[in-house]
Every structure is written in C-alpha cells, then in structure tokens.
Amino acid sequence: MTHDNIEQDNEQEELFEHHRVVADKGQSLLRVDKFLFNRLEGTSRNRIQMAASAGCIRVNDKPVKSNYKVKPTDIVTIVMSQPPRELEIIPEDIPINIVYQDDDLAVINKEAGLVVHPGHGNYTGTLVNALAYHMKDSPLFKKGEERPGLVHRIDKNTSGIIVVAKQEEALHSLAKQFFDRTTKRRYIALVWGNLKEDEGTITGNIGRSLKNRLKMDVFPDGDYGKHAVTHYKVLERFGYVNLVECRLETGRTHQIRVHFEHIGHPLFNDERYGGDQILKGTTFTKYKQFVQNCFKSLPRHALHAKSLGFNHPKTGEEMFFEADLPNDMAETIEKWRRYVQNRDTVNSD
C-alpha cells in the first residue's frame, strides 16, 4: 500500500503553528500587530491584522485582536489552516472542473484519483499543481507555497466539491468557517450491510491507528484522538448494501470511512478499511460475480462529496454548491438497484 493519501482525507479543522515568539521579561506593552511586524520578516502589518481578524493570532493559546497589548513572557503564535511551507509547487496544465470562481475563491468538482496536495509519493500531478497553473495570477498562487489556498481536503479517491481561497483574506475567512464548523458539508456513500435505523449519529474520537499508521481508528473519549461526529440518513436499501447521506459535524481525516467501519458498515470497496471484501450476501457464485463486477465498475471507495455551503468571505452571502454523482458511483448504485429488483421479481414468482 502506498503512502499517497495518508493525510489526504476530509476535512480538516486543525490549525498549524507557523510562528512562535516569546516576549522578553522586560517587554513593554505593545500592540500585537506591531510586535509581530517587528519580529517577522517578509510580511506586512496589514497581513498580520487580517490574520488577527480571522482568529489566527493567539497569545497563550487564545485568539486575540490586533490591538491586544503584548505583556512580558507572553507566548505569541500565528496559526494557519495549512502546515508551514515544505516544498515549492510546480504549476502543471492538468484539466480540472472549476464550477465557480471569482476574485476571492474557486469551487472545484474534484474527480476520484486526483490527490489534493503534494505529499509522500505525490510531489506532482496534484490538484494544487493544477491550481498553480490555472490560477497563477491569483495572489496566493504566486508564492509557490505547498498548499496555497487550501482550507479543507478530500481524499484522493473521494470525488466531489472542494473550495479553494485565491487570496489571503479569503483564506483566513474560509479557514475560520471550517474551524468554527459553520460550513455545511454532505456526502453520499455506499456502505456494506443494512443499517438498523433510517437515521443516526456516529460519535467517536478519531486518531492515527496504533497498529497501522496508514489507517485512522476510533478511540474511547480521552486524551487520544479528536472528537468526531457524523450524522447519516439512509437514502436507499439494497439489502446487502445501503446508500446513505452523511452530514459532517466535524472534519477528521478519513472520518466517514473510519466511523462506518467502527459500527460494522465499511464503505463499499474501501480497501483500507476492509470494504473491498464481500462482507454481506449469499454464497452463490452468481452473487460473488455480481459484486466483483461492481468492484470493477467502481475501483475505489464509494464516497462522494455531494455539496458544500459556506458564507462568501467578502460579501457574507450564503453560497451552496452541489456535484452530481460521478459515473462510476452512479453506475454501481444502478447495478445494485437492478439486482434487488430482479431478486424480488424471482422471489415473487
């Protein structure tokens, strides 16, 4: 198994420390924007003030505004929605489906198989490489940073909607919306088994597996892992698999995939979480062949980021975007639909 999407899934809410400055014991009271401007190279006071407005400047781990007065021994940090830059991005002319864009942001309908950002084993050919080419005139994409404009992610083999900031102010605003959980995200998934309830909620801390670092796992409430909540609704029942809509309250790595595995309903054809085996159904050869045909028509886990809602970072307008199911998922769902219809017809004869 490759390392290509260890950190590629959904939906991040963590903030990464970019700069950390500890005030001297003899520090006189000084506005935090001026304090940082005096100590950080290559930045403007206006950029620092925008970061503060977005809640990205913290003192002693609490967000502060630009006019906060730094005191002796204060620990001042700047946190962002992406890790500090590690490598330069090469713009690449990769076709992408841009469903909307303006001066502040772009909304992409990502196809399955496209890695979102460079990482282990994928230093080129990613969505970020494509964005660096298609949006080379936008402020955030002129800097060659590792993850310009990214405020959330979806896994390599997950299809669907992702929003990208094109300039600094939009990046801070969108990152804060994801951090504050005010965005509206819905996914469509095909899962193994017949869920008992038509609607439900899965809650459980998610963290890196202690047995396999390529996987995430669910842990009891405590110090390990991060709080995660997934709400689901069954859309269609096909006996051995269910089509569900998921609404994310939090956004952890592999959240939907690991939560459904945790309750015994892994995503259909999810290799990493055991869904690429025939987990439910009959022992008949024809049935096994049918499932194998479905695996071939959908050679990835059955997960699609259907919709995303957020407030425009400049106008405050509510924005909402949807992406139709891609062909591979739509065809596989239709196969199951016909399978159930044919089975019911045979049983009624």
Protein backbone atom coordinates (compact mmCIF):
# COMPACT_ATOMS: atom_id res chain seq x y z
CA MET A 1 0.00 0.00 0.00
CA THR A 2 1.37 3.42 -0.90
CA HIS A 3 1.69 6.46 1.32
CA ASP A 4 -0.08 8.66 -1.22
CA ASN A 5 -3.06 9.65 0.81
CA ILE A 6 -2.12 9.15 4.43
CA GLU A 7 -3.20 12.71 5.19
CA GLN A 8 -5.48 13.30 2.23
CA ASP A 9 -8.92 12.89 3.65
CA ASN A 10 -11.57 15.22 4.57
CA GLU A 11 -11.92 17.94 6.10
CA GLN A 12 -9.53 19.36 8.44
CA GLU A 13 -10.20 21.60 11.41
CA GLU A 14 -6.75 21.60 12.97
CA LEU A 15 -4.57 24.70 12.92
CA PHE A 16 -0.83 24.57 12.33
CA GLU A 17 1.67 26.77 14.13
CA HIS A 18 3.70 28.85 11.69
CA HIS A 19 5.48 31.28 14.01
CA ARG A 20 6.07 31.33 17.75
CA VAL A 21 7.54 34.33 19.57
CA VAL A 22 8.02 34.58 23.33
CA ALA A 23 8.03 38.12 24.71
CA ASP A 24 11.03 39.08 26.82
CA LYS A 25 10.68 39.59 30.57
CA GLY A 26 11.37 43.26 30.02
CA GLN A 27 8.83 43.65 27.20
CA SER A 28 6.87 46.91 27.39
CA LEU A 29 3.18 46.88 26.48
CA LEU A 30 2.92 46.81 22.68
CA ARG A 31 0.14 46.08 20.21
CA VAL A 32 0.46 42.53 18.96
CA ASP A 33 0.35 43.55 15.27
CA LYS A 34 3.33 45.87 15.78
CA PHE A 35 5.07 43.30 17.99
CA LEU A 36 4.90 40.68 15.23
CA PHE A 37 5.68 43.14 12.42
CA ASN A 38 8.94 43.97 14.22
CA ARG A 39 9.90 40.31 14.52
CA LEU A 40 8.71 38.59 11.32
CA GLU A 41 10.49 39.06 8.03
CA GLY A 42 8.73 39.37 4.70
CA THR A 43 5.27 40.26 5.99
CA SER A 44 3.17 43.41 6.23
CA ARG A 45 1.31 44.86 9.18
CA ASN A 46 -1.91 44.66 7.14
CA ARG A 47 -1.42 40.92 6.59
CA ILE A 48 -0.84 40.44 10.31
CA GLN A 49 -4.02 42.41 11.09
CA MET A 50 -6.04 40.23 8.68
CA ALA A 51 -4.70 37.12 10.38
CA ALA A 52 -5.76 38.54 13.75
CA SER A 53 -9.26 39.36 12.44
CA ALA A 54 -9.63 35.74 11.34
CA GLY A 55 -8.65 34.44 14.78
CA CYS A 56 -5.28 33.16 13.55
CA ILE A 57 -3.11 35.05 16.04
CA ARG A 58 -3.05 33.65 19.54
CA VAL A 59 -1.48 34.72 22.78
CA ASN A 60 -1.02 31.98 25.36
CA ASP A 61 -3.18 29.80 23.09
CA LYS A 62 -6.15 32.20 23.00
CA PRO A 63 -7.17 34.21 19.89
CA VAL A 64 -6.54 37.95 20.15
CA LYS A 65 -7.30 41.02 18.05
CA SER A 66 -4.71 43.38 16.55
CA ASN A 67 -4.97 45.83 19.44
CA TYR A 68 -4.08 43.26 22.12
CA LYS A 69 -1.15 44.58 24.18
CA VAL A 70 1.67 42.06 24.46
CA LYS A 71 2.98 41.66 28.02
CA PRO A 72 6.25 40.19 29.35
CA THR A 73 6.63 36.39 28.78
CA ASP A 74 3.51 36.22 26.55
CA ILE A 75 3.71 33.38 24.02
CA VAL A 76 2.54 34.77 20.66
CA THR A 77 1.77 32.33 17.81
CA ILE A 78 0.44 32.63 14.29
CA VAL A 79 -1.61 29.60 13.27
CA MET A 80 -2.88 28.78 9.81
CA SER A 81 -5.10 26.16 8.19
CA GLN A 82 -2.13 24.55 6.41
CA PRO A 83 1.30 23.42 7.63
CA PRO A 84 4.31 25.65 7.03
CA ARG A 85 5.79 25.51 3.54
CA GLU A 86 7.99 22.49 2.90
CA LEU A 87 8.43 22.44 -0.88
CA GLU A 88 7.86 24.56 -3.93
CA ILE A 89 4.92 23.86 -6.23
CA ILE A 90 5.41 23.31 -9.97
CA PRO A 91 2.41 24.60 -11.99
CA GLU A 92 1.03 21.85 -14.25
CA ASP A 93 -1.58 22.06 -17.01
CA ILE A 94 -3.88 19.41 -15.53
CA PRO A 95 -7.57 19.66 -16.53
CA ILE A 96 -9.84 20.39 -13.56
CA ASN A 97 -13.56 21.08 -13.30
CA ILE A 98 -13.97 24.60 -11.91
CA VAL A 99 -17.68 25.00 -11.19
CA TYR A 100 -17.40 28.56 -9.84
CA GLN A 101 -14.77 31.20 -9.28
CA ASP A 102 -14.41 34.90 -8.54
CA ASP A 103 -11.56 37.10 -7.33
CA ASP A 104 -11.65 35.55 -3.85
CA LEU A 105 -12.24 31.83 -4.26
CA ALA A 106 -12.81 28.90 -6.58
CA VAL A 107 -15.03 25.84 -6.19
CA ILE A 108 -13.77 22.63 -7.78
CA ASN A 109 -15.57 19.38 -8.55
CA LYS A 110 -12.65 17.01 -7.97
CA GLU A 111 -12.56 13.70 -9.80
CA ALA A 112 -11.64 10.50 -7.97
CA GLY A 113 -7.98 9.56 -8.27
CA LEU A 114 -6.67 13.13 -8.07
CA VAL A 115 -4.54 13.80 -4.99
CA VAL A 116 -5.35 17.18 -3.44
CA HIS A 117 -1.88 18.35 -2.41
CA PRO A 118 1.72 17.15 -2.69
CA GLY A 119 2.88 14.68 -0.09
CA HIS A 120 4.54 11.31 0.31
CA GLY A 121 4.95 9.84 -3.16
CA ASN A 122 2.93 12.58 -4.88
CA TYR A 123 5.06 15.65 -5.47
CA THR A 124 3.48 16.40 -8.85
CA GLY A 125 0.19 15.72 -10.59
CA THR A 126 -1.95 17.02 -7.72
CA LEU A 127 -4.88 19.41 -7.58
CA VAL A 128 -2.56 22.05 -6.10
CA ASN A 129 -0.20 21.71 -9.10
CA ALA A 130 -3.21 22.21 -11.37
CA LEU A 131 -4.44 25.22 -9.39
CA ALA A 132 -0.97 26.78 -9.50
CA TYR A 133 -1.26 26.67 -13.30
CA HIS A 134 -4.90 27.71 -13.75
CA MET A 135 -4.78 30.44 -11.08
CA LYS A 136 -1.22 31.68 -11.49
CA ASP A 137 -2.39 35.31 -11.45
CA SER A 138 -4.10 34.98 -8.06
CA PRO A 139 -2.12 36.30 -5.06
CA LEU A 140 -1.96 33.01 -3.12
CA PHE A 141 -0.75 31.04 -6.14
CA LYS A 142 2.15 33.35 -6.96
CA LYS A 143 4.10 32.37 -3.85
CA GLY A 144 4.87 28.74 -4.66
CA GLU A 145 3.70 27.53 -1.26
CA GLU A 146 2.98 23.87 -0.64
CA ARG A 147 -0.77 24.18 -0.05
CA PRO A 148 -1.85 27.58 -1.35
CA GLY A 149 -5.49 28.37 -0.73
CA LEU A 150 -6.42 25.03 0.82
CA VAL A 151 -8.81 25.24 3.77
CA HIS A 152 -10.07 21.64 3.65
CA ARG A 153 -9.29 18.45 1.81
CA ILE A 154 -10.94 15.35 0.45
CA ASP A 155 -9.23 12.02 -0.03
CA LYS A 156 -7.52 11.05 -3.28
CA ASN A 157 -10.23 8.51 -4.14
CA THR A 158 -13.14 10.63 -2.92
CA SER A 159 -14.85 12.70 -5.61
CA GLY A 160 -16.75 15.95 -5.23
CA ILE A 161 -16.81 19.57 -4.10
CA ILE A 162 -13.85 21.41 -2.61
CA VAL A 163 -13.42 25.19 -2.11
CA VAL A 164 -10.09 26.98 -2.53
CA ALA A 165 -9.14 30.52 -1.49
CA LYS A 166 -7.43 32.74 -4.06
CA GLN A 167 -6.20 35.47 -1.75
CA GLU A 168 -5.13 35.90 1.87
CA GLU A 169 -8.28 37.45 3.35
CA ALA A 170 -10.48 34.73 1.83
CA LEU A 171 -8.11 32.04 3.14
CA HIS A 172 -8.43 33.30 6.71
CA SER A 173 -12.21 33.69 6.49
CA LEU A 174 -12.85 30.26 4.99
CA ALA A 175 -10.41 28.56 7.35
CA LYS A 176 -12.24 30.10 10.31
CA GLN A 177 -15.61 28.89 8.97
CA PHE A 178 -14.31 25.32 8.80
CA PHE A 179 -12.71 25.67 12.22
CA ASP A 180 -15.94 27.06 13.71
CA ARG A 181 -17.97 24.28 12.00
CA THR A 182 -20.33 26.70 10.29
CA THR A 183 -19.86 25.16 6.83
CA LYS A 184 -22.46 22.69 5.55
CA ARG A 185 -21.00 19.51 4.07
CA ARG A 186 -22.89 16.50 2.78
CA TYR A 187 -21.52 13.28 1.33
CA ILE A 188 -23.05 10.30 -0.43
CA ALA A 189 -21.67 6.86 0.48
CA LEU A 190 -22.47 3.24 -0.30
CA VAL A 191 -21.88 1.09 2.78
CA TRP A 192 -21.94 -2.63 3.46
CA GLY A 193 -24.85 -4.06 5.43
CA ASN A 194 -28.36 -2.99 6.33
CA LEU A 195 -28.37 -0.21 8.91
CA LYS A 196 -30.91 -0.73 11.70
CA GLU A 197 -32.15 2.86 11.80
CA ASP A 198 -33.14 5.17 8.95
CA GLU A 199 -31.17 7.98 10.58
CA GLY A 200 -28.40 8.02 13.13
CA THR A 201 -25.30 9.66 14.55
CA ILE A 202 -21.85 8.14 14.93
CA THR A 203 -19.66 9.68 17.64
CA GLY A 204 -16.13 8.64 18.50
CA ASN A 205 -12.67 10.16 18.82
CA ILE A 206 -10.57 9.63 15.69
CA GLY A 207 -6.79 9.33 15.74
CA ARG A 208 -3.95 7.57 13.97
CA SER A 209 -4.19 3.79 14.40
CA LEU A 210 -1.72 2.40 16.93
CA LYS A 211 -1.35 -0.76 14.80
CA ASN A 212 -1.21 0.64 11.25
CA ARG A 213 -0.05 4.22 10.63
CA LEU A 214 -1.80 4.26 7.23
CA LYS A 215 -5.17 3.98 8.95
CA MET A 216 -7.20 6.00 11.39
CA ASP A 217 -9.10 4.43 14.27
CA VAL A 218 -11.87 5.24 16.76
CA PHE A 219 -10.87 5.56 20.40
CA PRO A 220 -12.82 5.97 23.65
CA ASP A 221 -13.20 9.50 24.93
CA GLY A 222 -9.93 10.57 26.47
CA ASP A 223 -6.60 12.03 25.56
CA TYR A 224 -6.06 10.20 22.26
CA GLY A 225 -7.74 11.17 19.02
CA LYS A 226 -10.03 14.11 18.30
CA HIS A 227 -13.75 14.44 18.85
CA ALA A 228 -15.68 13.48 15.70
CA VAL A 229 -19.39 13.38 14.84
CA THR A 230 -21.02 12.02 11.67
CA HIS A 231 -24.78 12.19 11.09
CA TYR A 232 -26.29 9.88 8.48
CA LYS A 233 -29.58 9.17 6.74
CA VAL A 234 -30.38 6.05 4.70
CA LEU A 235 -31.46 7.04 1.18
CA GLU A 236 -31.97 3.55 -0.32
CA ARG A 237 -31.67 0.00 0.95
CA PHE A 238 -30.37 -2.69 -1.38
CA GLY A 239 -30.43 -5.50 1.16
CA TYR A 240 -26.71 -6.17 1.43
CA VAL A 241 -25.62 -2.55 0.97
CA ASN A 242 -27.19 0.80 1.85
CA LEU A 243 -26.94 4.17 0.13
CA VAL A 244 -26.51 6.86 2.79
CA GLU A 245 -26.18 10.63 3.00
CA CYS A 246 -23.67 11.84 5.61
CA ARG A 247 -23.52 15.24 7.24
CA LEU A 248 -20.25 16.14 8.89
CA GLU A 249 -20.35 18.00 12.17
CA THR A 250 -16.56 17.72 12.50
CA GLY A 251 -13.94 17.06 9.87
CA ARG A 252 -11.30 14.48 10.73
CA THR A 253 -9.00 12.50 8.47
CA HIS A 254 -10.94 9.56 6.95
CA GLN A 255 -13.88 10.44 9.23
CA ILE A 256 -16.74 8.88 7.28
CA ARG A 257 -14.71 5.83 6.32
CA VAL A 258 -13.44 5.05 9.81
CA HIS A 259 -16.75 5.83 11.54
CA PHE A 260 -18.71 3.43 9.36
CA GLU A 261 -16.07 0.72 9.75
CA HIS A 262 -16.33 1.27 13.51
CA ILE A 263 -20.07 0.46 13.51
CA GLY A 264 -19.57 -2.58 11.25
CA HIS A 265 -20.59 -0.99 7.94
CA PRO A 266 -17.40 -0.22 5.95
CA LEU A 267 -17.71 1.74 2.72
CA PHE A 268 -18.18 -0.40 -0.38
CA ASN A 269 -14.80 -1.26 -1.96
CA ASP A 270 -12.81 0.66 0.65
CA GLU A 271 -9.54 -1.24 0.54
CA ARG A 272 -8.02 0.47 3.56
CA TYR A 273 -10.97 -0.22 5.87
CA GLY A 274 -11.96 -3.69 4.71
CA GLY A 275 -14.78 -2.82 2.34
CA ASP A 276 -13.10 -4.46 -0.66
CA GLN A 277 -14.26 -7.90 0.54
CA ILE A 278 -17.72 -9.43 0.12
CA LEU A 279 -18.98 -8.73 3.62
CA LYS A 280 -22.71 -9.39 3.20
CA GLY A 281 -24.87 -11.50 0.92
CA THR A 282 -25.12 -15.08 -0.28
CA THR A 283 -22.51 -17.71 -1.09
CA PHE A 284 -23.87 -18.21 -4.61
CA THR A 285 -21.28 -17.91 -7.37
CA LYS A 286 -23.53 -15.58 -9.38
CA TYR A 287 -23.75 -13.20 -6.43
CA LYS A 288 -19.98 -13.21 -5.92
CA GLN A 289 -19.53 -12.48 -9.62
CA PHE A 290 -22.04 -9.63 -9.40
CA VAL A 291 -20.13 -7.99 -6.52
CA GLN A 292 -16.81 -8.42 -8.33
CA ASN A 293 -18.32 -6.69 -11.36
CA CYS A 294 -19.40 -3.84 -9.08
CA PHE A 295 -15.84 -3.59 -7.71
CA LYS A 296 -14.57 -3.32 -11.28
CA SER A 297 -17.04 -0.59 -12.21
CA LEU A 298 -16.17 1.32 -9.00
CA PRO A 299 -12.43 0.72 -8.41
CA ARG A 300 -12.34 2.94 -5.30
CA HIS A 301 -14.21 3.51 -2.08
CA ALA A 302 -17.81 4.63 -2.65
CA LEU A 303 -17.71 8.18 -1.30
CA HIS A 304 -18.68 11.45 -2.98
CA ALA A 305 -18.59 14.98 -1.52
CA LYS A 306 -22.03 15.97 -2.80
CA SER A 307 -22.43 19.51 -1.52
CA LEU A 308 -20.78 22.35 0.35
CA GLY A 309 -22.27 25.51 1.83
CA PHE A 310 -20.41 28.49 3.29
CA ASN A 311 -20.55 32.29 3.54
CA HIS A 312 -18.66 34.26 0.93
CA PRO A 313 -15.57 35.70 2.66
CA LYS A 314 -16.07 39.18 1.23
CA THR A 315 -19.83 39.67 0.80
CA GLY A 316 -21.08 37.35 3.55
CA GLU A 317 -23.56 35.88 1.03
CA GLU A 318 -24.60 32.28 1.66
CA MET A 319 -23.21 30.09 -1.12
CA PHE A 320 -24.12 26.49 -1.89
CA PHE A 321 -22.66 24.10 -4.45
CA GLU A 322 -23.60 20.57 -5.47
CA ALA A 323 -21.91 17.95 -7.65
CA ASP A 324 -23.79 15.09 -9.32
CA LEU A 325 -22.63 11.57 -8.60
CA PRO A 326 -19.77 10.61 -10.94
CA ASN A 327 -20.43 7.83 -13.44
CA ASP A 328 -18.61 5.10 -11.54
CA MET A 329 -20.73 5.54 -8.41
CA ALA A 330 -23.98 6.16 -10.32
CA GLU A 331 -23.49 3.01 -12.40
CA THR A 332 -22.68 0.85 -9.37
CA ILE A 333 -25.73 2.11 -7.48
CA GLU A 334 -27.87 1.35 -10.53
CA LYS A 335 -26.40 -2.19 -10.65
CA TRP A 336 -27.50 -2.76 -7.06
CA ARG A 337 -30.90 -1.28 -7.78
CA ARG A 338 -31.44 -3.70 -10.66
CA TYR A 339 -30.07 -6.59 -8.61
CA VAL A 340 -32.67 -6.02 -5.89
CA GLN A 341 -35.47 -5.61 -8.45
CA ASN A 342 -34.53 -8.86 -10.21
CA ARG A 343 -34.19 -10.72 -6.91
CA ASP A 344 -37.58 -9.50 -5.74
CA THR A 345 -39.13 -10.46 -9.07
CA VAL A 346 -37.72 -14.00 -8.83
CA ASN A 347 -38.87 -14.36 -5.22
CA SER A 348 -42.41 -13.22 -6.07
CA ASP A 349 -42.84 -15.74 -8.90
